[in-house]
Protein backbone atom coordinates (compact mmCIF):
# COMPACT_ATOMS: atom_id res chain seq x y z
CA MET A 1 1.05 44.06 51.56
CA ILE A 2 0.03 40.67 52.89
CA PHE A 3 -2.85 40.60 50.40
CA ASN A 4 -0.54 41.53 47.49
CA GLY A 5 1.93 38.86 48.52
CA PHE A 6 -0.82 36.27 48.69
CA LYS A 7 -2.03 37.33 45.25
CA GLN A 8 1.48 37.04 43.81
CA LEU A 9 1.80 33.60 45.38
CA GLN A 10 -1.49 32.60 43.79
CA ASN A 11 -0.26 33.79 40.37
CA VAL A 12 2.96 31.79 40.75
CA ASP A 13 1.05 28.68 41.80
CA PHE A 14 -1.38 29.06 38.89
CA LYS A 15 1.46 29.46 36.38
CA GLU A 16 3.20 26.40 37.78
CA PHE A 17 -0.05 24.45 37.65
CA LEU A 18 -0.68 25.59 34.07
CA ALA A 19 2.85 24.65 33.00
CA THR A 20 2.54 21.26 34.69
CA ALA A 21 -0.84 20.67 33.02
CA VAL A 22 0.54 21.57 29.58
CA ILE A 23 3.54 19.28 30.03
CA GLY A 24 1.22 16.54 31.26
CA LEU A 25 -1.01 16.92 28.20
CA ILE A 26 1.98 16.82 25.86
CA VAL A 27 3.43 13.72 27.53
CA SER A 28 0.01 12.04 27.62
CA GLY A 29 -0.57 12.84 23.94
CA TYR A 30 2.83 11.45 23.02
CA LEU A 31 2.20 8.26 24.98
CA ILE A 32 -1.23 7.78 23.39
CA VAL A 33 0.16 8.19 19.87
CA TYR A 34 3.09 5.92 20.72
CA LEU A 35 0.81 3.19 22.06
CA LEU A 36 -1.49 3.42 19.01
CA SER A 37 1.37 3.54 16.48
CA HIS A 38 2.22 0.59 14.25
CA ALA A 39 5.36 -1.33 13.41
CA PRO A 40 5.41 -3.84 10.54
CA ARG A 41 6.37 -7.29 11.73
CA LEU A 42 9.45 -8.98 10.34
CA PRO A 43 8.67 -11.71 7.80
CA PHE A 44 8.86 -15.34 8.83
CA ASP A 45 11.49 -17.31 6.95
CA GLU A 46 8.91 -19.24 4.92
CA GLU A 47 7.44 -15.93 3.74
CA LEU A 48 10.70 -15.16 1.97
CA GLU A 49 10.00 -17.97 -0.50
CA TYR A 50 7.60 -18.09 -3.40
CA GLN A 51 5.81 -20.97 -5.10
CA THR A 52 5.42 -21.37 -8.84
CA ILE A 53 4.58 -24.03 -11.42
CA ASN A 54 7.61 -25.16 -13.44
CA GLY A 55 5.76 -25.80 -16.69
CA LYS A 56 5.74 -29.57 -16.15
CA GLY A 57 2.96 -29.51 -13.61
CA SER A 58 5.29 -29.60 -10.62
CA LEU A 59 5.26 -27.11 -7.78
CA VAL A 60 8.62 -25.54 -6.97
CA LYS A 61 9.74 -23.21 -4.22
CA LYS A 62 12.48 -20.61 -4.56
CA ARG A 63 13.88 -17.72 -2.57
CA LEU A 64 12.53 -14.24 -3.22
CA PRO A 65 14.81 -11.46 -4.46
CA ASN A 66 15.16 -8.37 -2.29
CA VAL A 67 14.65 -4.88 -3.69
CA SER A 68 16.07 -3.21 -0.57
CA ARG A 69 19.48 -4.81 -1.04
CA GLY A 70 19.54 -3.82 -4.69
CA GLY A 71 21.43 -6.96 -5.69
CA LYS A 72 20.58 -10.27 -7.32
CA ASP A 73 19.45 -13.26 -5.34
CA ASN A 74 21.41 -16.48 -5.82
CA ASN A 75 18.24 -18.34 -6.69
CA ASP A 76 16.91 -15.70 -9.04
CA HIS A 77 18.27 -13.56 -11.80
CA ASP A 78 17.44 -10.52 -13.86
CA ASP A 79 15.32 -11.65 -16.78
CA GLY A 80 14.76 -8.14 -18.08
CA ILE A 81 11.46 -7.90 -16.24
CA ILE A 82 9.76 -4.58 -16.97
CA LEU A 83 6.71 -4.83 -14.76
CA SER A 84 5.99 -6.70 -11.56
CA VAL A 85 2.34 -6.80 -10.53
CA VAL A 86 1.70 -7.34 -6.82
CA VAL A 87 -1.80 -8.55 -5.97
CA PRO A 88 -2.66 -8.52 -2.24
CA SER A 89 -5.18 -11.29 -1.71
CA TYR A 90 -7.32 -12.50 1.15
CA ASN A 91 -9.93 -15.20 0.42
CA GLU A 92 -10.15 -14.20 -3.24
CA THR A 93 -11.08 -17.44 -5.03
CA LYS A 94 -14.38 -15.92 -6.17
CA ARG A 95 -12.95 -12.76 -7.72
CA ILE A 96 -9.29 -13.06 -8.66
CA SER A 97 -9.58 -15.15 -11.85
CA SER A 98 -11.16 -12.36 -13.90
CA MET A 99 -8.56 -9.87 -12.66
CA LEU A 100 -5.72 -12.22 -13.61
CA ALA A 101 -7.23 -12.94 -17.02
CA ASP A 102 -7.49 -9.21 -17.78
CA ALA A 103 -3.94 -8.55 -16.58
CA ILE A 104 -2.32 -11.46 -18.41
CA VAL A 105 -3.90 -10.53 -21.76
CA VAL A 106 -2.47 -7.02 -21.48
CA LEU A 107 0.92 -8.15 -20.21
CA GLN A 108 1.41 -10.79 -22.90
CA LYS A 109 0.54 -8.27 -25.58
CA GLU A 110 2.50 -5.27 -24.29
CA MET A 111 5.62 -6.86 -22.74
CA THR A 112 5.83 -10.53 -23.67
CA HIS A 113 7.90 -12.56 -21.17
CA LYS A 114 9.04 -9.36 -19.45
CA TRP A 115 6.53 -9.37 -16.61
CA GLU A 116 5.62 -11.21 -13.44
CA ILE A 117 2.60 -11.40 -11.19
CA ILE A 118 3.14 -11.87 -7.46
CA ILE A 119 0.12 -13.04 -5.50
CA VAL A 120 0.60 -12.19 -1.83
CA ASP A 121 -1.81 -14.49 -0.03
CA ASP A 122 -2.49 -12.72 3.25
CA GLY A 123 -3.35 -15.77 5.34
CA SER A 124 -6.37 -16.86 3.26
CA LYS A 125 -8.60 -19.69 4.49
CA ASP A 126 -10.22 -20.52 1.14
CA GLY A 127 -7.22 -21.93 -0.74
CA THR A 128 -6.38 -18.75 -2.68
CA SER A 129 -2.75 -19.81 -3.16
CA GLU A 130 -3.57 -23.23 -4.56
CA TYR A 131 -6.35 -21.77 -6.71
CA CYS A 132 -3.99 -19.23 -8.33
CA LEU A 133 -1.29 -21.83 -8.98
CA ASN A 134 -3.88 -24.08 -10.59
CA LEU A 135 -5.01 -21.21 -12.83
CA ALA A 136 -1.40 -20.53 -13.81
CA GLU A 137 -0.90 -24.11 -14.93
CA LYS A 138 -4.23 -25.25 -16.37
CA VAL A 139 -5.96 -22.07 -17.52
CA PHE A 140 -3.30 -19.52 -18.39
CA GLN A 141 -0.48 -22.03 -19.11
CA LEU A 142 2.21 -19.70 -17.83
CA GLN A 143 5.93 -20.27 -17.77
CA GLU A 144 7.83 -20.92 -14.56
CA GLY A 145 8.07 -17.81 -12.42
CA GLN A 146 5.57 -15.71 -14.36
CA LEU A 147 3.03 -16.16 -11.60
CA ARG A 148 4.51 -16.39 -8.12
CA VAL A 149 2.61 -17.02 -4.94
CA VAL A 150 3.89 -15.77 -1.59
CA LYS A 151 1.90 -17.16 1.31
CA LEU A 152 1.90 -15.16 4.53
CA SER A 153 1.69 -17.40 7.59
CA LYS A 154 -0.42 -14.87 9.49
CA ASN A 155 -2.72 -12.18 8.20
CA ARG A 156 -1.00 -8.79 8.12
CA GLY A 157 -3.58 -6.60 6.43
CA LYS A 158 -3.61 -5.20 2.92
CA GLY A 159 -0.82 -2.71 3.60
CA GLY A 160 1.43 -5.45 4.99
CA ALA A 161 0.78 -7.67 1.96
CA VAL A 162 1.53 -4.83 -0.49
CA ARG A 163 4.70 -3.86 1.38
CA HIS A 164 5.97 -7.44 1.44
CA GLY A 165 5.23 -7.98 -2.23
CA LEU A 166 6.81 -4.80 -3.57
CA LEU A 167 9.99 -5.33 -1.55
CA HIS A 168 10.51 -8.65 -3.37
CA ILE A 169 9.93 -7.89 -7.04
CA ARG A 170 12.23 -8.26 -10.02
CA GLY A 171 10.74 -5.62 -12.30
CA LYS A 172 11.91 -2.17 -13.23
CA TYR A 173 8.47 -1.03 -12.10
CA GLY A 174 6.20 -2.40 -9.41
CA LEU A 175 2.42 -2.06 -9.57
CA PHE A 176 0.02 -3.08 -6.86
CA ALA A 177 -3.42 -3.90 -8.14
CA ASP A 178 -6.51 -5.00 -6.23
CA ALA A 179 -7.61 -8.60 -6.68
CA ASP A 180 -11.17 -7.61 -7.50
CA GLY A 181 -10.23 -6.29 -10.93
CA ALA A 182 -12.16 -3.05 -10.37
CA SER A 183 -9.50 -1.07 -12.29
CA ARG A 184 -9.15 -1.70 -16.01
CA PHE A 185 -5.70 -3.22 -16.27
CA SER A 186 -4.84 -1.77 -19.69
CA ASP A 187 -4.67 1.64 -18.01
CA VAL A 188 -1.29 0.54 -16.62
CA ASN A 189 0.18 1.82 -19.90
CA ARG A 190 -0.93 5.32 -18.96
CA LEU A 191 0.74 5.01 -15.56
CA ILE A 192 3.98 3.73 -17.11
CA GLY A 193 4.04 6.58 -19.60
CA SER A 194 3.51 9.08 -16.80
CA ILE A 195 6.16 7.61 -14.50
CA LYS A 196 8.73 7.58 -17.32
CA ARG A 197 8.26 11.31 -17.75
CA LEU A 198 8.74 11.88 -14.03
CA GLU A 199 11.82 9.69 -13.52
CA GLY A 200 13.76 10.98 -16.52
CA PRO A 201 16.87 9.28 -17.92
CA GLN A 202 18.44 9.14 -14.44
CA GLY A 203 15.66 6.93 -13.11
CA LYS A 204 14.88 9.25 -10.21
CA PRO A 205 12.30 7.98 -7.70
CA ALA A 206 8.81 8.47 -9.13
CA VAL A 207 5.23 7.37 -8.47
CA ALA A 208 2.14 7.23 -10.70
CA ILE A 209 -1.23 6.48 -9.14
CA GLY A 210 -4.58 5.59 -10.63
CA SER A 211 -7.33 8.06 -9.83
CA ARG A 212 -11.12 7.83 -9.79
CA ALA A 213 -11.62 11.50 -8.94
CA HIS A 214 -13.02 12.20 -12.41
CA MET A 215 -15.80 9.68 -11.72
CA VAL A 216 -17.34 11.39 -8.69
CA ASN A 217 -20.52 12.35 -10.53
CA THR A 218 -20.82 9.18 -12.61
CA ASP A 219 -23.07 6.18 -11.97
CA ALA A 220 -20.11 4.19 -10.63
CA VAL A 221 -20.15 6.43 -7.54
CA VAL A 222 -23.61 7.96 -7.50
CA LYS A 223 -25.34 4.57 -7.38
CA ARG A 224 -23.35 3.36 -4.39
CA SER A 225 -25.11 3.27 -1.04
CA PHE A 226 -25.60 6.50 0.91
CA ILE A 227 -23.55 5.16 3.84
CA ARG A 228 -20.65 4.15 1.58
CA ASN A 229 -20.54 7.56 -0.09
CA LEU A 230 -20.86 9.34 3.26
CA LEU A 231 -17.90 7.42 4.68
CA MET A 232 -15.91 8.05 1.47
CA TYR A 233 -16.43 11.82 1.66
CA GLY A 234 -15.69 11.80 5.38
CA LEU A 235 -12.40 10.01 4.80
CA HIS A 236 -11.47 12.45 2.02
CA ALA A 237 -12.09 15.34 4.38
CA LEU A 238 -9.88 13.79 7.07
CA VAL A 239 -7.12 13.09 4.56
CA PHE A 240 -7.27 16.73 3.46
CA VAL A 241 -7.14 18.05 7.04
CA PHE A 242 -4.53 15.68 8.46
CA GLY A 243 -2.39 14.64 5.54
CA ILE A 244 -2.55 15.20 1.80
CA ARG A 245 -4.07 18.12 -0.05
CA SER A 246 -2.48 17.82 -3.49
CA ILE A 247 -3.95 14.42 -4.42
CA LYS A 248 -7.65 13.92 -5.10
CA ASP A 249 -7.86 10.11 -4.78
CA THR A 250 -5.52 8.51 -2.28
CA GLN A 251 -7.30 5.15 -1.96
CA CYS A 252 -7.38 3.75 -5.51
CA GLY A 253 -5.84 0.26 -5.52
CA PHE A 254 -3.78 0.80 -8.66
CA LYS A 255 -0.43 2.43 -7.92
CA LEU A 256 2.89 2.23 -9.79
CA PHE A 257 6.43 2.81 -8.46
CA ASN A 258 9.87 2.60 -10.00
CA ARG A 259 12.50 0.64 -8.07
CA ASN A 260 14.12 3.73 -6.58
CA ALA A 261 10.75 4.89 -5.24
CA ILE A 262 10.13 1.44 -3.74
CA ARG A 263 13.50 1.58 -1.96
CA SER A 264 12.75 5.09 -0.69
CA ILE A 265 9.23 4.37 0.56
CA PHE A 266 8.40 0.80 1.46
CA PRO A 267 11.16 -0.09 3.97
CA TYR A 268 9.79 2.78 6.09
CA LEU A 269 6.06 2.04 5.77
CA HIS A 270 4.57 1.44 9.22
CA THR A 271 0.87 0.99 8.56
CA GLU A 272 -0.38 -2.42 7.48
CA GLY A 273 -4.12 -1.71 7.61
CA TRP A 274 -6.48 -0.12 5.07
CA ILE A 275 -5.11 3.43 5.38
CA PHE A 276 -1.61 2.40 4.24
CA ASP A 277 -2.12 4.20 0.89
CA VAL A 278 -2.07 7.54 2.68
CA GLU A 279 1.20 6.80 4.45
CA ILE A 280 2.76 5.75 1.14
CA LEU A 281 1.88 9.12 -0.34
CA MET A 282 2.95 10.97 2.82
CA LEU A 283 6.36 9.33 2.60
CA ALA A 284 6.68 10.20 -1.08
CA LEU A 285 5.79 13.84 -0.40
CA ARG A 286 8.15 14.02 2.61
CA LYS A 287 10.97 12.78 0.38
CA ASN A 288 10.02 15.10 -2.52
CA ILE A 289 9.27 12.16 -4.80
CA PRO A 290 7.07 13.36 -7.67
CA ILE A 291 3.59 11.80 -7.88
CA SER A 292 1.46 11.77 -10.99
CA GLU A 293 -2.30 11.21 -10.60
CA VAL A 294 -3.66 9.46 -13.70
CA ALA A 295 -7.36 9.09 -14.49
CA ILE A 296 -8.32 5.42 -14.97
CA SER A 297 -11.44 3.39 -15.67
CA TRP A 298 -12.97 1.78 -12.59
CA HIS A 299 -16.15 -0.02 -11.60
CA GLU A 300 -17.63 -1.29 -8.34
CA VAL A 301 -17.11 -5.01 -7.64
CA ASP A 302 -19.04 -6.92 -4.99
CA GLY A 303 -17.29 -8.93 -2.30
CA SER A 304 -15.25 -6.28 -0.51
CA LYS A 305 -13.55 -7.51 2.66
CA MET A 306 -14.11 -4.18 4.41
CA ASP A 307 -16.50 -3.84 7.30
CA LEU A 308 -17.66 -0.32 6.48
CA ALA A 309 -18.42 0.90 10.00
CA ARG A 310 -15.57 -0.77 11.88
CA ASP A 311 -12.86 -0.28 9.25
CA SER A 312 -13.85 3.34 8.55
CA ILE A 313 -13.42 4.14 12.24
CA ASN A 314 -10.05 2.37 12.30
CA MET A 315 -8.94 4.21 9.15
CA ALA A 316 -9.85 7.57 10.68
CA LYS A 317 -7.99 6.69 13.90
CA ASP A 318 -4.95 5.42 12.01
CA LEU A 319 -4.86 8.52 9.81
CA VAL A 320 -4.61 10.77 12.87
CA VAL A 321 -1.99 8.46 14.41
CA ILE A 322 0.11 8.46 11.22
CA ARG A 323 0.09 12.24 11.01
CA MET A 324 0.91 12.78 14.69
CA ALA A 325 3.52 10.00 14.73
CA TYR A 326 5.51 11.77 12.01
CA ILE A 327 5.12 15.15 13.71
CA LEU A 328 6.34 13.67 17.02
CA ARG A 329 9.05 11.68 15.20
CA ILE A 330 7.76 8.38 16.52
CA TYR A 331 7.72 7.29 12.87
CA LYS A 332 11.01 7.69 11.03
CA ASP A 333 11.45 7.84 7.27
CA ASN A 334 15.17 7.21 6.90
CA LYS A 335 17.85 4.97 8.33
CA GLU A 336 19.72 7.80 10.03
CA CYS A 337 16.80 8.75 12.25
């Protein structure tokens, strides 16, 4: 009897130990995810202004509109803008001119005077802001407000620059496009056509994203370095396991949103680093916002700001954190949470 009692006591102690260990692991996991989670910083007051050339060679500053509020800013007004193009930029004086030239030709032809380009200078050290304003005046000869430069006082990362830009557009649609011009800009017409079909006459939230998935076996991908392709396939596998299985190319820097989708997604975006694209799509899927993946033309452009090894590791880590943070409700996707 003494032996049986001792055995029962051992079983009770083991169960208590096991329960304590499980609780400890859960709490530890929660704390780790919480400590690694991200929160976008609030903009500084000067980041809520944009610079533009007034057509007379003078630089002017005005207040940005705010998509989240849904109203008109006192210093801005609705000019019937169809498309706002947000270009996140960090030290891009060597690459951005060709991208802008390509975009402006298409925009002037397809939607004359009903477009705007917003350069979000993410704390550049090479004079990207001044360079773009000079191009607007002396090369492209744009009207006041057609090219707007928003200068971030401190570097936030690509996701932070895209978030800030899209929350302060005037257009019916907002596109973010990479400054390297790797995507052929005329393909924006295909994205617009697709998003119009999704949103319907009610203007329901909708997203159309450029995709390079059809190019996997082409020279554009095959001729890239072994390490770059290895990291690309590794990231795709992680995205499939931890996040998104219905979209083939989550990372293409050519994504289009209507205003209702911007209001539903971007105020709740937490990630400001390279993996922000995945969280955008996670939020859209969580909110049942339809996403259309549209094949576009794309080519490799030298001068990437990514450090392949370091940034790939950070992207993998952030992807796991994003997924777990939503599961644990550390990240919220609506105001009521």
